[in-house]
Amino acid sequence: MLARLLFCAGIATVVFEKDQSPDSRKAQGGTLDMHENTGQKALIEAGLWDQFQGVARYDAEDLIITDRHNRVYYESRGES
């Protein structure tokens, strides 16, 4: 996001990627919690809001905490 904001301001940037491949973090899963006054504002300022709306998942309200054996320690089902 910062690189995009700098680019929009005419500041050249270089992003160095540490991951070995584009798929190396797929197993992490999860969804960002984008609040109006922080993440959403940054997306709008970076000109990425419309793209974000195309992929945003507003249905991801459940929170389940498990261990590596999939034993559930906490579960909260959000409203859909």
PDB file of N, CA and C in Angstrom:
ATOM      1  N   MET A   1       0.825  -1.172   0.000  1.00  0.00           N
ATOM      2  CA  MET A   1       0.000   0.000   0.000  1.00  0.00           C
ATOM      3  C   MET A   1       0.883   1.254   0.000  1.00  0.00           C
ATOM      4  N   LEU A   2       1.911   1.254   0.824  1.00  0.00           N
ATOM      5  CA  LEU A   2       2.775   2.432   0.885  1.00  0.00           C
ATOM      6  C   LEU A   2       3.437   2.692  -0.464  1.00  0.00           C
ATOM      7  N   ALA A   3       3.893   1.627  -1.130  1.00  0.00           N
ATOM      8  CA  ALA A   3       4.524   1.803  -2.441  1.00  0.00           C
ATOM      9  C   ALA A   3       3.549   2.440  -3.422  1.00  0.00           C
ATOM     10  N   ARG A   4       2.295   2.047  -3.374  1.00  0.00           N
ATOM     11  CA  ARG A   4       1.278   2.624  -4.269  1.00  0.00           C
ATOM     12  C   ARG A   4       1.061   4.104  -3.950  1.00  0.00           C
ATOM     13  N   LEU A   5       0.992   4.461  -2.687  1.00  0.00           N
ATOM     14  CA  LEU A   5       0.804   5.864  -2.302  1.00  0.00           C
ATOM     15  C   LEU A   5       1.996   6.709  -2.739  1.00  0.00           C
ATOM     16  N   LEU A   6       3.206   6.185  -2.567  1.00  0.00           N
ATOM     17  CA  LEU A   6       4.396   6.911  -3.010  1.00  0.00           C
ATOM     18  C   LEU A   6       4.400   7.070  -4.526  1.00  0.00           C
ATOM     19  N   PHE A   7       4.029   6.026  -5.251  1.00  0.00           N
ATOM     20  CA  PHE A   7       3.959   6.078  -6.702  1.00  0.00           C
ATOM     21  C   PHE A   7       2.966   7.151  -7.155  1.00  0.00           C
ATOM     22  N   CYS A   8       1.792   7.189  -6.511  1.00  0.00           N
ATOM     23  CA  CYS A   8       0.770   8.195  -6.852  1.00  0.00           C
ATOM     24  C   CYS A   8       1.265   9.612  -6.583  1.00  0.00           C
ATOM     25  N   ALA A   9       2.201   9.750  -5.652  1.00  0.00           N
ATOM     26  CA  ALA A   9       2.767  11.061  -5.325  1.00  0.00           C
ATOM     27  C   ALA A   9       3.986  11.380  -6.184  1.00  0.00           C
ATOM     28  N   GLY A  10       4.296  10.499  -7.145  1.00  0.00           N
ATOM     29  CA  GLY A  10       5.421  10.744  -8.037  1.00  0.00           C
ATOM     30  C   GLY A  10       6.771  10.378  -7.464  1.00  0.00           C
ATOM     31  N   ILE A  11       6.782   9.550  -6.426  1.00  0.00           N
ATOM     32  CA  ILE A  11       8.033   9.142  -5.790  1.00  0.00           C
ATOM     33  C   ILE A  11       8.366   7.719  -6.225  1.00  0.00           C
ATOM     34  N   ALA A  12       9.525   7.554  -6.858  1.00  0.00           N
ATOM     35  CA  ALA A  12       9.941   6.228  -7.324  1.00  0.00           C
ATOM     36  C   ALA A  12      10.200   5.306  -6.135  1.00  0.00           C
ATOM     37  N   THR A  13       9.744   4.074  -6.262  1.00  0.00           N
ATOM     38  CA  THR A  13       9.938   3.097  -5.182  1.00  0.00           C
ATOM     39  C   THR A  13      10.361   1.761  -5.761  1.00  0.00           C
ATOM     40  N   VAL A  14      10.965   0.952  -4.925  1.00  0.00           N
ATOM     41  CA  VAL A  14      11.312  -0.419  -5.279  1.00  0.00           C
ATOM     42  C   VAL A  14      10.811  -1.289  -4.134  1.00  0.00           C
ATOM     43  N   VAL A  15      10.113  -2.377  -4.475  1.00  0.00           N
ATOM     44  CA  VAL A  15       9.617  -3.313  -3.468  1.00  0.00           C
ATOM     45  C   VAL A  15      10.407  -4.607  -3.607  1.00  0.00           C
ATOM     46  N   PHE A  16      11.049  -5.017  -2.532  1.00  0.00           N
ATOM     47  CA  PHE A  16      11.791  -6.270  -2.513  1.00  0.00           C
ATOM     48  C   PHE A  16      10.925  -7.307  -1.816  1.00  0.00           C
ATOM     49  N   GLU A  17      10.655  -8.417  -2.485  1.00  0.00           N
ATOM     50  CA  GLU A  17       9.791  -9.456  -1.956  1.00  0.00           C
ATOM     51  C   GLU A  17      10.621 -10.553  -1.313  1.00  0.00           C
ATOM     52  N   LYS A  18      10.299 -10.894  -0.079  1.00  0.00           N
ATOM     53  CA  LYS A  18      11.039 -11.919   0.654  1.00  0.00           C
ATOM     54  C   LYS A  18      10.522 -13.331   0.354  1.00  0.00           C
ATOM     55  N   ASP A  19       9.237 -13.455   0.057  1.00  0.00           N
ATOM     56  CA  ASP A  19       8.661 -14.776  -0.185  1.00  0.00           C
ATOM     57  C   ASP A  19       9.256 -15.410  -1.438  1.00  0.00           C
ATOM     58  N   GLN A  20       9.351 -16.724  -1.433  1.00  0.00           N
ATOM     59  CA  GLN A  20       9.961 -17.441  -2.553  1.00  0.00           C
ATOM     60  C   GLN A  20       9.056 -17.544  -3.770  1.00  0.00           C
ATOM     61  N   SER A  21       7.730 -17.425  -3.574  1.00  0.00           N
ATOM     62  CA  SER A  21       6.803 -17.494  -4.700  1.00  0.00           C
ATOM     63  C   SER A  21       5.521 -16.748  -4.341  1.00  0.00           C
ATOM     64  N   PRO A  22       4.718 -16.402  -5.343  1.00  0.00           N
ATOM     65  CA  PRO A  22       3.448 -15.715  -5.065  1.00  0.00           C
ATOM     66  C   PRO A  22       2.486 -16.551  -4.231  1.00  0.00           C
ATOM     67  N   ASP A  23       2.649 -17.881  -4.231  1.00  0.00           N
ATOM     68  CA  ASP A  23       1.749 -18.765  -3.494  1.00  0.00           C
ATOM     69  C   ASP A  23       2.255 -19.161  -2.109  1.00  0.00           C
ATOM     70  N   SER A  24       3.405 -18.669  -1.705  1.00  0.00           N
ATOM     71  CA  SER A  24       4.003 -19.146  -0.455  1.00  0.00           C
ATOM     72  C   SER A  24       3.189 -18.809   0.787  1.00  0.00           C
ATOM     73  N   ARG A  25       2.288 -17.845   0.745  1.00  0.00           N
ATOM     74  CA  ARG A  25       1.477 -17.496   1.921  1.00  0.00           C
ATOM     75  C   ARG A  25       0.023 -17.906   1.792  1.00  0.00           C
ATOM     76  N   LYS A  26      -0.313 -18.666   0.755  1.00  0.00           N
ATOM     77  CA  LYS A  26      -1.708 -19.067   0.553  1.00  0.00           C
ATOM     78  C   LYS A  26      -2.273 -19.834   1.729  1.00  0.00           C
ATOM     79  N   ALA A  27      -1.478 -20.643   2.365  1.00  0.00           N
ATOM     80  CA  ALA A  27      -1.964 -21.473   3.470  1.00  0.00           C
ATOM     81  C   ALA A  27      -2.348 -20.647   4.695  1.00  0.00           C
ATOM     82  N   GLN A  28      -1.885 -19.409   4.786  1.00  0.00           N
ATOM     83  CA  GLN A  28      -2.203 -18.587   5.954  1.00  0.00           C
ATOM     84  C   GLN A  28      -3.677 -18.247   6.025  1.00  0.00           C
ATOM     85  N   GLY A  29      -4.286 -18.010   4.868  1.00  0.00           N
ATOM     86  CA  GLY A  29      -5.705 -17.674   4.852  1.00  0.00           C
ATOM     87  C   GLY A  29      -5.983 -16.393   5.600  1.00  0.00           C
ATOM     88  N   GLY A  30      -7.201 -16.225   6.009  1.00  0.00           N
ATOM     89  CA  GLY A  30      -7.584 -15.062   6.784  1.00  0.00           C
ATOM     90  C   GLY A  30      -7.987 -13.879   5.930  1.00  0.00           C
ATOM     91  N   THR A  31      -8.596 -12.915   6.569  1.00  0.00           N
ATOM     92  CA  THR A  31      -9.104 -11.731   5.909  1.00  0.00           C
ATOM     93  C   THR A  31      -8.662 -10.502   6.687  1.00  0.00           C
ATOM     94  N   LEU A  32      -8.333  -9.451   5.992  1.00  0.00           N
ATOM     95  CA  LEU A  32      -7.985  -8.197   6.654  1.00  0.00           C
ATOM     96  C   LEU A  32      -9.230  -7.534   7.214  1.00  0.00           C
ATOM     97  N   ASP A  33      -9.098  -6.892   8.335  1.00  0.00           N
ATOM     98  CA  ASP A  33     -10.193  -6.128   8.922  1.00  0.00           C
ATOM     99  C   ASP A  33      -9.937  -4.667   8.579  1.00  0.00           C
ATOM    100  N   MET A  34     -10.571  -4.180   7.542  1.00  0.00           N
ATOM    101  CA  MET A  34     -10.327  -2.839   7.023  1.00  0.00           C
ATOM    102  C   MET A  34     -11.342  -1.857   7.597  1.00  0.00           C
ATOM    103  N   HIS A  35     -10.893  -1.001   8.509  1.00  0.00           N
ATOM    104  CA  HIS A  35     -11.774  -0.011   9.125  1.00  0.00           C
ATOM    105  C   HIS A  35     -11.833   1.251   8.262  1.00  0.00           C
ATOM    106  N   GLU A  36     -12.939   1.993   8.375  1.00  0.00           N
ATOM    107  CA  GLU A  36     -13.160   3.192   7.562  1.00  0.00           C
ATOM    108  C   GLU A  36     -12.063   4.229   7.712  1.00  0.00           C
ATOM    109  N   ASN A  37     -11.615   4.458   8.939  1.00  0.00           N
ATOM    110  CA  ASN A  37     -10.672   5.561   9.175  1.00  0.00           C
ATOM    111  C   ASN A  37      -9.205   5.164   9.032  1.00  0.00           C
ATOM    112  N   THR A  38      -8.933   3.902   8.695  1.00  0.00           N
ATOM    113  CA  THR A  38      -7.538   3.487   8.532  1.00  0.00           C
ATOM    114  C   THR A  38      -7.345   2.823   7.172  1.00  0.00           C
ATOM    115  N   GLY A  39      -7.504   1.525   7.095  1.00  0.00           N
ATOM    116  CA  GLY A  39      -7.241   0.776   5.868  1.00  0.00           C
ATOM    117  C   GLY A  39      -8.089   1.196   4.686  1.00  0.00           C
ATOM    118  N   GLN A  40      -9.384   1.438   4.918  1.00  0.00           N
ATOM    119  CA  GLN A  40     -10.246   1.844   3.811  1.00  0.00           C
ATOM    120  C   GLN A  40      -9.833   3.214   3.280  1.00  0.00           C
ATOM    121  N   LYS A  41      -9.488   4.103   4.166  1.00  0.00           N
ATOM    122  CA  LYS A  41      -9.042   5.436   3.760  1.00  0.00           C
ATOM    123  C   LYS A  41      -7.774   5.344   2.908  1.00  0.00           C
ATOM    124  N   ALA A  42      -6.855   4.480   3.309  1.00  0.00           N
ATOM    125  CA  ALA A  42      -5.611   4.302   2.555  1.00  0.00           C
ATOM    126  C   ALA A  42      -5.892   3.732   1.166  1.00  0.00           C
ATOM    127  N   LEU A  43      -6.814   2.778   1.074  1.00  0.00           N
ATOM    128  CA  LEU A  43      -7.174   2.221  -0.227  1.00  0.00           C
ATOM    129  C   LEU A  43      -7.761   3.285  -1.149  1.00  0.00           C
ATOM    130  N   ILE A  44      -8.614   4.137  -0.609  1.00  0.00           N
ATOM    131  CA  ILE A  44      -9.218   5.214  -1.401  1.00  0.00           C
ATOM    132  C   ILE A  44      -8.144   6.172  -1.886  1.00  0.00           C
ATOM    133  N   GLU A  45      -7.256   6.589  -0.987  1.00  0.00           N
ATOM    134  CA  GLU A  45      -6.194   7.530  -1.351  1.00  0.00           C
ATOM    135  C   GLU A  45      -5.236   6.941  -2.384  1.00  0.00           C
ATOM    136  N   ALA A  46      -5.071   5.623  -2.360  1.00  0.00           N
ATOM    137  CA  ALA A  46      -4.173   4.965  -3.315  1.00  0.00           C
ATOM    138  C   ALA A  46      -4.865   4.654  -4.639  1.00  0.00           C
ATOM    139  N   GLY A  47      -6.157   4.980  -4.733  1.00  0.00           N
ATOM    140  CA  GLY A  47      -6.895   4.711  -5.957  1.00  0.00           C
ATOM    141  C   GLY A  47      -7.203   3.239  -6.164  1.00  0.00           C
ATOM    142  N   LEU A  48      -7.262   2.486  -5.073  1.00  0.00           N
ATOM    143  CA  LEU A  48      -7.478   1.041  -5.157  1.00  0.00           C
ATOM    144  C   LEU A  48      -8.831   0.595  -4.623  1.00  0.00           C
ATOM    145  N   TRP A  49      -9.691   1.533  -4.258  1.00  0.00           N
ATOM    146  CA  TRP A  49     -10.967   1.192  -3.621  1.00  0.00           C
ATOM    147  C   TRP A  49     -11.844   0.315  -4.514  1.00  0.00           C
ATOM    148  N   ASP A  50     -11.984   0.669  -5.792  1.00  0.00           N
ATOM    149  CA  ASP A  50     -12.842  -0.113  -6.691  1.00  0.00           C
ATOM    150  C   ASP A  50     -12.326  -1.536  -6.847  1.00  0.00           C
ATOM    151  N   GLN A  51     -11.017  -1.701  -6.954  1.00  0.00           N
ATOM    152  CA  GLN A  51     -10.445  -3.045  -7.044  1.00  0.00           C
ATOM    153  C   GLN A  51     -10.694  -3.831  -5.763  1.00  0.00           C
ATOM    154  N   PHE A  52     -10.553  -3.166  -4.632  1.00  0.00           N
ATOM    155  CA  PHE A  52     -10.806  -3.807  -3.344  1.00  0.00           C
ATOM    156  C   PHE A  52     -12.251  -4.301  -3.256  1.00  0.00           C
ATOM    157  N   GLN A  53     -13.191  -3.472  -3.700  1.00  0.00           N
ATOM    158  CA  GLN A  53     -14.600  -3.844  -3.654  1.00  0.00           C
ATOM    159  C   GLN A  53     -14.877  -5.095  -4.488  1.00  0.00           C
ATOM    160  N   GLY A  54     -14.094  -5.284  -5.543  1.00  0.00           N
ATOM    161  CA  GLY A  54     -14.275  -6.456  -6.393  1.00  0.00           C
ATOM    162  C   GLY A  54     -13.858  -7.761  -5.750  1.00  0.00           C
ATOM    163  N   VAL A  55     -13.012  -7.710  -4.732  1.00  0.00           N
ATOM    164  CA  VAL A  55     -12.526  -8.940  -4.100  1.00  0.00           C
ATOM    165  C   VAL A  55     -12.827  -9.020  -2.603  1.00  0.00           C
ATOM    166  N   ALA A  56     -13.388  -7.968  -2.032  1.00  0.00           N
ATOM    167  CA  ALA A  56     -13.672  -7.953  -0.589  1.00  0.00           C
ATOM    168  C   ALA A  56     -14.705  -9.018  -0.229  1.00  0.00           C
ATOM    169  N   ARG A  57     -14.497  -9.646   0.922  1.00  0.00           N
ATOM    170  CA  ARG A  57     -15.432 -10.659   1.422  1.00  0.00           C
ATOM    171  C   ARG A  57     -16.049 -10.151   2.710  1.00  0.00           C
ATOM    172  N   TYR A  58     -17.259  -9.666   2.616  1.00  0.00           N
ATOM    173  CA  TYR A  58     -17.933  -9.140   3.800  1.00  0.00           C
ATOM    174  C   TYR A  58     -18.602 -10.231   4.615  1.00  0.00           C
ATOM    175  N   ASP A  59     -18.556 -11.457   4.126  1.00  0.00           N
ATOM    176  CA  ASP A  59     -19.196 -12.563   4.829  1.00  0.00           C
ATOM    177  C   ASP A  59     -18.260 -13.268   5.806  1.00  0.00           C
ATOM    178  N   ALA A  60     -17.034 -12.861   5.900  1.00  0.00           N
ATOM    179  CA  ALA A  60     -16.047 -13.546   6.731  1.00  0.00           C
ATOM    180  C   ALA A  60     -16.079 -13.007   8.155  1.00  0.00           C
ATOM    181  N   GLU A  61     -17.126 -13.333   8.883  1.00  0.00           N
ATOM    182  CA  GLU A  61     -17.295 -12.828  10.241  1.00  0.00           C
ATOM    183  C   GLU A  61     -17.014 -13.869  11.310  1.00  0.00           C
ATOM    184  N   ASP A  62     -16.716 -15.098  10.914  1.00  0.00           N
ATOM    185  CA  ASP A  62     -16.445 -16.146  11.888  1.00  0.00           C
ATOM    186  C   ASP A  62     -14.993 -16.086  12.353  1.00  0.00           C
ATOM    187  N   LEU A  63     -14.762 -16.434  13.612  1.00  0.00           N
ATOM    188  CA  LEU A  63     -13.410 -16.528  14.153  1.00  0.00           C
ATOM    189  C   LEU A  63     -13.279 -17.875  14.841  1.00  0.00           C
ATOM    190  N   ILE A  64     -12.354 -18.686  14.356  1.00  0.00           N
ATOM    191  CA  ILE A  64     -12.117 -20.009  14.935  1.00  0.00           C
ATOM    192  C   ILE A  64     -10.621 -20.146  15.174  1.00  0.00           C
ATOM    193  N   ILE A  65     -10.251 -20.430  16.411  1.00  0.00           N
ATOM    194  CA  ILE A  65      -8.845 -20.610  16.760  1.00  0.00           C
ATOM    195  C   ILE A  65      -8.616 -22.092  17.047  1.00  0.00           C
ATOM    196  N   THR A  66      -7.674 -22.669  16.282  1.00  0.00           N
ATOM    197  CA  THR A  66      -7.357 -24.088  16.442  1.00  0.00           C
ATOM    198  C   THR A  66      -5.850 -24.272  16.594  1.00  0.00           C
ATOM    199  N   ASP A  67      -5.465 -25.462  16.979  1.00  0.00           N
ATOM    200  CA  ASP A  67      -4.038 -25.786  16.983  1.00  0.00           C
ATOM    201  C   ASP A  67      -3.700 -26.509  15.684  1.00  0.00           C
ATOM    202  N   ARG A  68      -2.489 -26.975  15.558  1.00  0.00           N
ATOM    203  CA  ARG A  68      -2.059 -27.601  14.303  1.00  0.00           C
ATOM    204  C   ARG A  68      -2.768 -28.926  14.030  1.00  0.00           C
ATOM    205  N   HIS A  69      -3.465 -29.468  15.020  1.00  0.00           N
ATOM    206  CA  HIS A  69      -4.224 -30.704  14.839  1.00  0.00           C
ATOM    207  C   HIS A  69      -5.710 -30.413  14.602  1.00  0.00           C
ATOM    208  N   ASN A  70      -6.020 -29.147  14.399  1.00  0.00           N
ATOM    209  CA  ASN A  70      -7.382 -28.669  14.157  1.00  0.00           C
ATOM    210  C   ASN A  70      -8.298 -28.836  15.368  1.00  0.00           C
ATOM    211  N   ARG A  71      -7.718 -28.880  16.565  1.00  0.00           N
ATOM    212  CA  ARG A  71      -8.490 -28.913  17.802  1.00  0.00           C
ATOM    213  C   ARG A  71      -8.963 -27.481  18.069  1.00  0.00           C
ATOM    214  N   VAL A  72     -10.257 -27.281  18.225  1.00  0.00           N
ATOM    215  CA  VAL A  72     -10.835 -25.951  18.381  1.00  0.00           C
ATOM    216  C   VAL A  72     -10.685 -25.482  19.824  1.00  0.00           C
ATOM    217  N   TYR A  73     -10.107 -24.289  19.993  1.00  0.00           N
ATOM    218  CA  TYR A  73      -9.955 -23.677  21.313  1.00  0.00           C
ATOM    219  C   TYR A  73     -10.918 -22.513  21.518  1.00  0.00           C
ATOM    220  N   TYR A  74     -11.297 -21.879  20.432  1.00  0.00           N
ATOM    221  CA  TYR A  74     -12.230 -20.762  20.515  1.00  0.00           C
ATOM    222  C   TYR A  74     -13.013 -20.703  19.214  1.00  0.00           C
ATOM    223  N   GLU A  75     -14.313 -20.433  19.331  1.00  0.00           N
ATOM    224  CA  GLU A  75     -15.138 -20.319  18.129  1.00  0.00           C
ATOM    225  C   GLU A  75     -16.213 -19.267  18.356  1.00  0.00           C
ATOM    226  N   SER A  76     -16.277 -18.331  17.437  1.00  0.00           N
ATOM    227  CA  SER A  76     -17.299 -17.279  17.491  1.00  0.00           C
ATOM    228  C   SER A  76     -17.879 -17.147  16.094  1.00  0.00           C
ATOM    229  N   ARG A  77     -19.162 -17.401  15.953  1.00  0.00           N
ATOM    230  CA  ARG A  77     -19.807 -17.314  14.644  1.00  0.00           C
ATOM    231  C   ARG A  77     -20.440 -15.941  14.486  1.00  0.00           C
ATOM    232  N   GLY A  78     -20.004 -15.207  13.469  1.00  0.00           N
ATOM    233  CA  GLY A  78     -20.546 -13.888  13.192  1.00  0.00           C
ATOM    234  C   GLY A  78     -21.901 -13.972  12.542  1.00  0.00           C
ATOM    235  N   GLU A  79     -22.568 -12.839  12.485  1.00  0.00           N
ATOM    236  CA  GLU A  79     -23.879 -12.779  11.852  1.00  0.00           C
ATOM    237  C   GLU A  79     -23.705 -12.637  10.356  1.00  0.00           C
ATOM    238  N   SER A  80     -24.519 -13.353   9.587  1.00  0.00           N
ATOM    239  CA  SER A  80     -24.459 -13.273   8.121  1.00  0.00           C
ATOM    240  C   SER A  80     -25.700 -12.610   7.605  1.00  0.00           C
TER     241      SER A  80
END
